[in-house]
Structure formats: structure tokens, C-alpha cells
Amino acid sequence: MAGKNNFSLSLPMMIVCLAGLVTLTGSRAFSGIIITFDRANPPFMYEHEGNATGLYPAIIAKAFWRMNEPVTLIPLPWKRAQAGADEGKWGIGGLYLNQQRLWKYDYSTPIYEERLMVYMMKTKRFPFREMKDLRGKRIGVMRGWTYGDGFDEAVAAGWFETVQLSDDRSNFHRLLLGRVDAALAAPETWDLIRADVDPDGQIMELGTPLTVNRTYLSFPKSQNMTDVLQRFNTEIRRMREDGAMDQLVQTYLR
């Protein structure tokens, strides 16, 4: 179980899931385990009226309800969520796994699998089959996100330049303005925002994924949450078996 959390946070609303009841509270006295999420990554996780919503908060809230384990779900800027997790303040939902993070976090079983696609202007299309085809390009990405060890290594080697913005809409607007050569996003996100961002259909999605990343619930090792993660993993398995997981995916992604 988690120990006492030493931190203060000024947020308007929190979600507290306790014994099957989801309620809202403006109090700083959080209930149970604290899990943070990206506040700007729909439909997977985002903030709505001060609350963490989307597929990943729904999956994790459902699993903790089935565990009868109190939990507080908080939407934050992604870099802030990660910084607090690095300091041992809270867990984090929807995190990718890479070698560097394995030293810092304990991971659950995967809760979902994201395909990250490459998007570009139809009038400026370039061939893409693998990572090396991005050499010399400017790529729009989400600030604070890792896109897998291979991508991170390519950035470190100087194969291409990344332009970091706070959300996918901003990345696609930057693409439309010609300030980046390509943008990276999950097709579920693109489907959600396409009509507003690109009503004229100027942007195209390439058919080959850049990478496929599993997402997880993670806790800093200092919190010693392995028992919680084992029980969480059991509920995720049962949710896959009894159809609860499919129901949530259909609700948030279809």
C-alpha cells in the first residue's frame, strides 16, 4: 500500500472513487491512492470540468472499484504529472514503458495499446516506411512524451528535430502552417479532432505506424505498490474476460 503523500496541490475538483461511488470534492484531503493523468490527450485521458476523464481514467477507476480500493484521479499537465511521480508523490496512468523508466517505476499489466501514426500534408508527402525515413525532418510531438526507445534514440542521434507542443490540436495546426514536416498522433485522437482542425482534408495519415506502444498504470518504486498492482492486474484480466474492458473501449473510442 502507498504511504503518506507529502505534497500540496491547488486544483478545483478531484475525482474520488470509493466503494463503487464516484464523487467530486474540492478538498485537498484526497482519499486513498493518488493517480494522475494527462489533461490534454483525448480520447485517452483529458480534463473535463476539472475532472480526469477518457478511456484510461475509466479503466483504472473501474478496476479500483472492483478492488474496493479508494482512489483519487487527477488531471494535470503531463510534465507535471511525471515530475510528481518522479518525486514519489503519486501514481500515473497511461504511461509508456521505456528502459529509463524501468529504473524508477513499477508497472501494471498493459491497459491498452496505442498505434502512433505519422501525419503530413498531402501536398508535401514524403515516403515513410521506417524511422530512418524521418531523417532531416521537423516532427511535431506532445511535450513531455516519449515515443519509445527507438524514437528517443533517433532524436538523441540527431536524425530529426522534434517540436514540442502541449496538445495534438496545436501540433496539427503547426503542420497546417508548414512549421513542421509531420505530426505524430494516435488515429483515435485524429478521428476525434479531424473535422475541426482540418475541414478541407489537407492532412493525410500514412498507413505504417511509427511505433506501437502499450500503456500502463505505474507507481514510483518508493511507494512500494506491488501488492496494489498485483490486485489491479487481476481485475484487468477479469475485465478482459467478462467484457467490461470492451464496453469501456466502445464507450470512449467508438
Protein backbone atom coordinates (compact mmCIF):
# COMPACT_ATOMS: atom_id res chain seq x y z
CA MET A 1 0.00 0.00 0.00
CA ALA A 2 1.07 3.60 -0.50
CA GLY A 3 2.48 5.58 2.35
CA LYS A 4 1.50 9.11 3.35
CA ASN A 5 1.76 11.65 0.50
CA ASN A 6 3.71 14.80 1.37
CA PHE A 7 2.50 17.38 -1.11
CA SER A 8 0.06 20.20 -1.60
CA LEU A 9 -1.90 20.76 -4.78
CA SER A 10 -4.27 23.54 -5.74
CA LEU A 11 -6.89 22.11 -8.06
CA PRO A 12 -10.58 22.97 -8.41
CA MET A 13 -12.03 19.46 -8.45
CA MET A 14 -10.87 15.89 -7.91
CA ILE A 15 -12.46 12.54 -8.67
CA VAL A 16 -12.62 10.18 -5.73
CA CYS A 17 -13.67 6.60 -6.43
CA LEU A 18 -14.60 4.78 -3.23
CA ALA A 19 -16.56 1.54 -2.88
CA GLY A 20 -18.16 1.95 -6.29
CA LEU A 21 -19.18 5.60 -5.86
CA VAL A 22 -17.56 8.36 -7.92
CA THR A 23 -17.93 11.77 -6.25
CA LEU A 24 -16.46 15.24 -6.66
CA THR A 25 -14.64 17.12 -3.97
CA GLY A 26 -12.86 20.46 -3.73
CA SER A 27 -10.92 19.35 -0.66
CA ARG A 28 -7.15 18.93 -0.58
CA ALA A 29 -7.61 15.90 1.67
CA PHE A 30 -7.50 13.26 -1.03
CA SER A 31 -8.97 9.81 -0.48
CA GLY A 32 -6.85 6.71 -0.93
CA ILE A 33 -4.28 6.25 -3.67
CA ILE A 34 -3.46 9.23 -5.92
CA ILE A 35 -3.21 8.65 -9.70
CA THR A 36 -2.59 11.45 -12.19
CA PHE A 37 -3.34 11.65 -15.92
CA ASP A 38 -2.53 13.88 -18.85
CA ARG A 39 -5.17 16.61 -19.01
CA ALA A 40 -4.85 17.13 -22.79
CA ASN A 41 -4.78 13.76 -24.57
CA PRO A 42 -8.35 12.94 -25.68
CA PRO A 43 -9.94 10.46 -26.04
CA PHE A 44 -7.49 8.50 -23.86
CA MET A 45 -7.19 10.91 -20.92
CA TYR A 46 -8.13 14.54 -20.55
CA GLU A 47 -9.69 17.12 -18.25
CA HIS A 48 -13.40 17.91 -18.40
CA GLU A 49 -14.89 20.37 -15.91
CA GLY A 50 -11.94 19.78 -13.61
CA ASN A 51 -12.20 16.00 -13.72
CA ALA A 52 -9.98 13.29 -15.19
CA THR A 53 -11.95 11.59 -17.95
CA GLY A 54 -11.34 9.43 -21.01
CA LEU A 55 -10.53 5.76 -21.53
CA TYR A 56 -7.60 5.41 -19.12
CA PRO A 57 -9.25 7.08 -16.09
CA ALA A 58 -12.36 4.97 -16.79
CA ILE A 59 -10.40 1.71 -16.92
CA ILE A 60 -8.44 2.48 -13.78
CA ALA A 61 -11.48 3.75 -11.85
CA LYS A 62 -13.41 0.61 -12.79
CA ALA A 63 -10.59 -1.68 -11.70
CA PHE A 64 -10.16 0.11 -8.37
CA TRP A 65 -13.91 -0.02 -7.76
CA ARG A 66 -13.82 -3.77 -8.33
CA MET A 67 -10.85 -3.94 -5.93
CA ASN A 68 -12.85 -1.93 -3.37
CA GLU A 69 -9.83 0.36 -3.13
CA PRO A 70 -10.23 4.15 -2.67
CA VAL A 71 -8.53 6.19 -5.39
CA THR A 72 -8.27 9.85 -6.39
CA LEU A 73 -7.85 10.63 -10.11
CA ILE A 74 -6.32 13.99 -11.00
CA PRO A 75 -5.82 15.60 -14.45
CA LEU A 76 -2.55 17.54 -14.77
CA PRO A 77 -0.20 18.86 -17.42
CA TRP A 78 1.72 15.77 -18.48
CA LYS A 79 5.15 17.04 -17.47
CA ARG A 80 3.81 17.99 -14.05
CA ALA A 81 2.23 14.57 -13.61
CA GLN A 82 5.54 12.89 -14.44
CA ALA A 83 7.55 15.25 -12.24
CA GLY A 84 5.35 14.45 -9.25
CA ALA A 85 5.60 10.73 -9.92
CA ASP A 86 9.38 11.03 -10.16
CA GLU A 87 9.31 12.65 -6.71
CA GLY A 88 7.24 9.79 -5.29
CA LYS A 89 4.07 11.84 -4.80
CA TRP A 90 1.58 9.78 -6.83
CA GLY A 91 0.99 7.16 -9.48
CA ILE A 92 0.47 7.92 -13.14
CA GLY A 93 -1.97 6.40 -15.63
CA GLY A 94 -1.44 5.90 -19.36
CA LEU A 95 2.35 5.86 -19.16
CA TYR A 96 4.51 4.24 -21.82
CA LEU A 97 7.36 1.94 -20.82
CA ASN A 98 10.98 2.53 -21.70
CA GLN A 99 14.30 1.39 -20.26
CA GLN A 100 14.93 4.58 -18.31
CA ARG A 101 11.54 4.42 -16.59
CA LEU A 102 12.01 0.79 -15.55
CA TRP A 103 14.55 2.03 -13.01
CA LYS A 104 12.03 4.42 -11.45
CA TYR A 105 8.57 2.84 -11.73
CA ASP A 106 6.71 -0.37 -11.03
CA TYR A 107 4.35 -1.18 -13.90
CA SER A 108 0.99 -2.88 -14.18
CA THR A 109 -0.03 -5.23 -16.94
CA PRO A 110 -0.82 -3.20 -20.10
CA ILE A 111 -4.20 -1.47 -20.06
CA TYR A 112 -4.27 -0.53 -23.77
CA GLU A 113 -2.12 -0.46 -26.90
CA GLU A 114 -1.69 2.77 -28.88
CA ARG A 115 -0.61 2.90 -32.51
CA LEU A 116 1.26 6.12 -33.23
CA MET A 117 0.85 7.24 -36.82
CA VAL A 118 2.67 9.79 -38.96
CA TYR A 119 0.59 12.63 -40.42
CA MET A 120 1.69 15.04 -43.14
CA MET A 121 0.31 17.48 -45.67
CA LYS A 122 -0.94 15.84 -48.86
CA THR A 123 0.90 18.45 -50.91
CA LYS A 124 4.21 17.72 -49.14
CA ARG A 125 4.08 13.97 -48.86
CA PHE A 126 7.35 12.09 -48.41
CA PRO A 127 7.95 8.32 -48.34
CA PHE A 128 7.71 6.70 -44.93
CA ARG A 129 8.22 3.05 -44.04
CA GLU A 130 10.51 3.19 -41.01
CA MET A 131 12.15 5.56 -38.54
CA LYS A 132 15.08 6.46 -40.78
CA ASP A 133 12.66 7.99 -43.32
CA LEU A 134 12.17 10.89 -40.87
CA ARG A 135 15.82 11.96 -41.20
CA GLY A 136 16.18 15.72 -41.56
CA LYS A 137 12.53 16.41 -40.77
CA ARG A 138 10.84 18.57 -38.13
CA ILE A 139 8.34 16.42 -36.23
CA GLY A 140 5.51 17.74 -34.05
CA VAL A 141 5.17 15.82 -30.79
CA MET A 142 3.46 16.19 -27.42
CA ARG A 143 5.52 17.97 -24.77
CA GLY A 144 6.88 15.58 -22.13
CA TRP A 145 6.00 12.40 -24.06
CA THR A 146 8.34 9.61 -25.02
CA TYR A 147 7.52 7.72 -28.20
CA GLY A 148 9.52 4.60 -27.41
CA ASP A 149 13.20 3.79 -27.03
CA GLY A 150 13.82 3.68 -30.79
CA PHE A 151 12.35 7.14 -31.32
CA ASP A 152 14.17 8.61 -28.32
CA GLU A 153 17.47 7.16 -29.57
CA ALA A 154 16.89 8.62 -33.04
CA VAL A 155 16.24 12.07 -31.52
CA ALA A 156 19.39 11.81 -29.39
CA ALA A 157 21.38 10.83 -32.50
CA GLY A 158 20.14 13.95 -34.32
CA TRP A 159 18.23 12.12 -37.07
CA PHE A 160 15.41 14.65 -36.88
CA GLU A 161 14.21 17.58 -34.83
CA THR A 162 11.14 17.50 -32.58
CA VAL A 163 8.86 20.46 -31.95
CA GLN A 164 7.06 20.00 -28.64
CA LEU A 165 3.61 21.43 -28.00
CA SER A 166 1.08 20.87 -25.25
CA ASP A 167 -1.62 19.05 -27.23
CA ASP A 168 -2.36 17.32 -30.52
CA ARG A 169 -4.52 20.14 -31.88
CA SER A 170 -1.58 22.52 -31.63
CA ASN A 171 0.66 20.03 -33.43
CA PHE A 172 -1.77 19.67 -36.31
CA HIS A 173 -2.23 23.44 -36.57
CA ARG A 174 1.55 23.74 -36.73
CA LEU A 175 1.53 21.15 -39.53
CA LEU A 176 -1.10 23.11 -41.49
CA LEU A 177 1.02 26.25 -41.16
CA GLY A 178 4.05 24.42 -42.58
CA ARG A 179 6.10 24.80 -39.40
CA VAL A 180 6.66 21.06 -39.08
CA ASP A 181 7.00 18.37 -41.75
CA ALA A 182 4.94 15.78 -39.89
CA ALA A 183 2.98 15.27 -36.69
CA LEU A 184 2.64 12.15 -34.56
CA ALA A 185 -0.67 11.06 -33.04
CA ALA A 186 -2.90 8.08 -32.36
CA PRO A 187 -5.62 7.61 -35.01
CA GLU A 188 -8.27 7.67 -32.27
CA THR A 189 -7.17 11.22 -31.42
CA TRP A 190 -7.07 12.28 -35.07
CA ASP A 191 -10.56 10.91 -35.66
CA LEU A 192 -11.81 12.97 -32.72
CA ILE A 193 -10.39 16.32 -33.85
CA ARG A 194 -10.10 15.98 -37.63
CA ALA A 195 -13.33 17.77 -38.57
CA ASP A 196 -12.43 20.87 -36.52
CA VAL A 197 -8.73 21.00 -37.29
CA ASP A 198 -8.72 20.07 -40.99
CA PRO A 199 -12.18 20.55 -42.54
CA ASP A 200 -10.66 20.77 -46.03
CA GLY A 201 -8.89 17.41 -45.78
CA GLN A 202 -5.36 18.72 -46.35
CA ILE A 203 -3.72 16.29 -43.91
CA MET A 204 -3.16 12.62 -44.61
CA GLU A 205 -2.37 9.67 -42.36
CA LEU A 206 0.31 7.27 -43.53
CA GLY A 207 -0.57 3.59 -43.31
CA THR A 208 2.53 2.40 -41.45
CA PRO A 209 2.64 3.02 -37.68
CA LEU A 210 5.74 4.76 -36.41
CA THR A 211 5.50 2.64 -33.27
CA VAL A 212 3.02 0.65 -31.21
CA ASN A 213 3.18 1.48 -27.51
CA ARG A 214 1.42 -0.27 -24.65
CA THR A 215 0.11 1.95 -21.86
CA TYR A 216 0.25 1.16 -18.15
CA LEU A 217 -0.61 2.19 -14.63
CA SER A 218 2.68 2.96 -12.90
CA PHE A 219 3.84 3.93 -9.43
CA PRO A 220 7.22 5.18 -8.25
CA LYS A 221 9.16 2.36 -6.65
CA SER A 222 9.42 4.40 -3.45
CA GLN A 223 5.68 3.91 -2.87
CA ASN A 224 6.03 0.09 -2.73
CA MET A 225 2.76 -0.53 -4.58
CA THR A 226 3.50 -4.01 -5.91
CA ASP A 227 0.63 -5.56 -3.94
CA VAL A 228 -1.82 -3.00 -5.32
CA LEU A 229 -0.53 -3.58 -8.83
CA GLN A 230 -0.94 -7.35 -8.47
CA ARG A 231 -4.58 -6.91 -7.45
CA PHE A 232 -5.06 -4.34 -10.22
CA ASN A 233 -3.63 -6.80 -12.76
CA THR A 234 -6.08 -9.44 -11.60
CA GLU A 235 -9.02 -7.09 -12.18
CA ILE A 236 -7.73 -6.02 -15.59
CA ARG A 237 -7.56 -9.70 -16.59
CA ARG A 238 -11.08 -10.28 -15.31
CA MET A 239 -12.35 -7.16 -17.10
CA ARG A 240 -10.97 -8.52 -20.36
CA GLU A 241 -12.63 -11.88 -19.72
CA ASP A 242 -16.07 -10.60 -18.70
CA GLY A 243 -16.39 -7.90 -21.37
CA ALA A 244 -16.06 -4.87 -19.07
CA MET A 245 -12.92 -3.73 -20.90
CA ASP A 246 -14.57 -3.97 -24.31
CA GLN A 247 -17.50 -1.94 -23.01
CA LEU A 248 -15.22 0.88 -21.90
CA VAL A 249 -13.33 0.87 -25.19
CA GLN A 250 -16.61 1.04 -27.10
CA THR A 251 -17.80 3.90 -24.89
CA TYR A 252 -14.74 6.11 -25.20
CA LEU A 253 -13.23 5.23 -28.59
CA ARG A 254 -16.13 4.33 -30.89
